[in-house]
Protein backbone atom coordinates (compact mmCIF):
# COMPACT_ATOMS: atom_id res chain seq x y z
CA MET A 1 -133.09 44.87 -165.65
CA LEU A 2 -129.38 46.75 -164.38
CA GLU A 3 -131.09 48.52 -161.79
CA LYS A 4 -132.29 45.09 -159.96
CA ILE A 5 -128.75 43.51 -160.58
CA PHE A 6 -127.11 46.71 -159.15
CA LYS A 7 -129.08 46.50 -155.87
CA ASN A 8 -127.64 43.22 -154.28
CA LYS A 9 -123.97 44.15 -153.55
CA LYS A 10 -122.10 40.85 -154.49
CA SER A 11 -124.31 40.79 -157.63
CA SER A 12 -122.96 44.25 -158.46
CA THR A 13 -119.33 43.34 -158.14
CA ILE A 14 -119.68 40.40 -160.50
CA ALA A 15 -121.69 42.45 -162.89
CA SER A 16 -119.04 44.90 -162.70
CA PHE A 17 -116.08 42.43 -162.78
CA VAL A 18 -117.48 41.15 -165.78
CA ILE A 19 -118.15 44.66 -167.54
CA VAL A 20 -114.49 45.71 -167.10
CA PHE A 21 -113.26 42.18 -168.65
CA PHE A 22 -115.13 42.35 -171.31
CA ILE A 23 -113.90 45.92 -171.90
CA ILE A 24 -110.43 45.03 -171.12
CA LEU A 25 -110.62 42.02 -174.13
CA LEU A 26 -112.04 44.68 -176.60
CA VAL A 27 -109.10 47.20 -175.64
CA LYS A 28 -106.53 44.53 -176.11
CA ALA A 29 -108.05 43.45 -179.44
CA TYR A 30 -107.95 46.80 -180.71
CA ILE A 31 -104.18 47.18 -179.75
CA ILE A 32 -103.59 43.55 -181.60
CA GLN A 33 -105.03 45.11 -184.74
CA LEU A 34 -103.46 48.41 -184.37
CA ILE A 35 -100.19 46.74 -183.99
CA TYR A 36 -100.39 43.95 -186.43
CA ASN A 37 -101.79 46.56 -189.37
CA SER A 38 -99.13 48.93 -188.66
CA LEU A 39 -95.84 46.47 -188.59
CA GLY A 40 -97.30 43.75 -191.13
CA PRO A 41 -96.78 45.69 -194.30
CA LYS A 42 -92.91 46.83 -192.69
CA LEU A 43 -92.22 43.33 -192.29
CA VAL A 44 -93.30 42.16 -195.48
CA ARG A 45 -91.20 44.73 -196.95
CA ASN A 46 -88.14 43.76 -194.87
CA LEU A 47 -88.50 40.18 -196.04
CA GLY A 48 -88.22 41.68 -199.90
CA GLU A 49 -91.94 40.80 -200.87
CA ASP A 50 -94.42 43.43 -202.28
CA THR A 51 -97.01 44.51 -199.89
CA TYR A 52 -99.49 44.61 -202.60
CA ASN A 53 -101.24 41.37 -201.59
CA PHE A 54 -101.08 42.56 -197.68
CA GLU A 55 -104.49 42.09 -196.11
CA PRO A 56 -105.02 44.08 -192.87
CA LEU A 57 -106.83 42.39 -189.88
CA THR A 58 -109.93 42.72 -189.48
CA TYR A 59 -110.97 43.35 -185.77
CA PRO A 60 -113.06 40.05 -185.44
CA GLU A 61 -109.63 38.47 -186.58
CA SER A 62 -107.97 40.56 -183.90
CA ILE A 63 -110.40 39.11 -180.88
CA LEU A 64 -109.49 35.54 -182.42
CA MET A 65 -105.84 36.13 -182.64
CA MET A 66 -105.90 37.47 -179.01
CA ILE A 67 -107.77 34.33 -177.46
CA LEU A 68 -105.52 31.93 -179.46
CA PHE A 69 -102.50 33.89 -178.18
CA THR A 70 -103.92 34.09 -174.63
CA PHE A 71 -104.32 29.97 -174.67
CA LEU A 72 -100.77 29.33 -176.43
CA PHE A 73 -98.96 31.38 -174.13
CA LYS A 74 -100.69 30.94 -170.72
């Protein structure tokens, strides 16, 4: 199936663009997850609260957060 897509020059560039686009989105979501999970407890502690109830951000939640910020700040 992919061989048929990549035979045509125009469709191969479109397919490559879509693949790169999704890889970039997934990497951005992973970076958001890392940053939130490392800075979140520190920010909570700086506000004088206990980090016992802190819940780390999951990967699907980080994808949703990335989509939210993309729509808010574009």
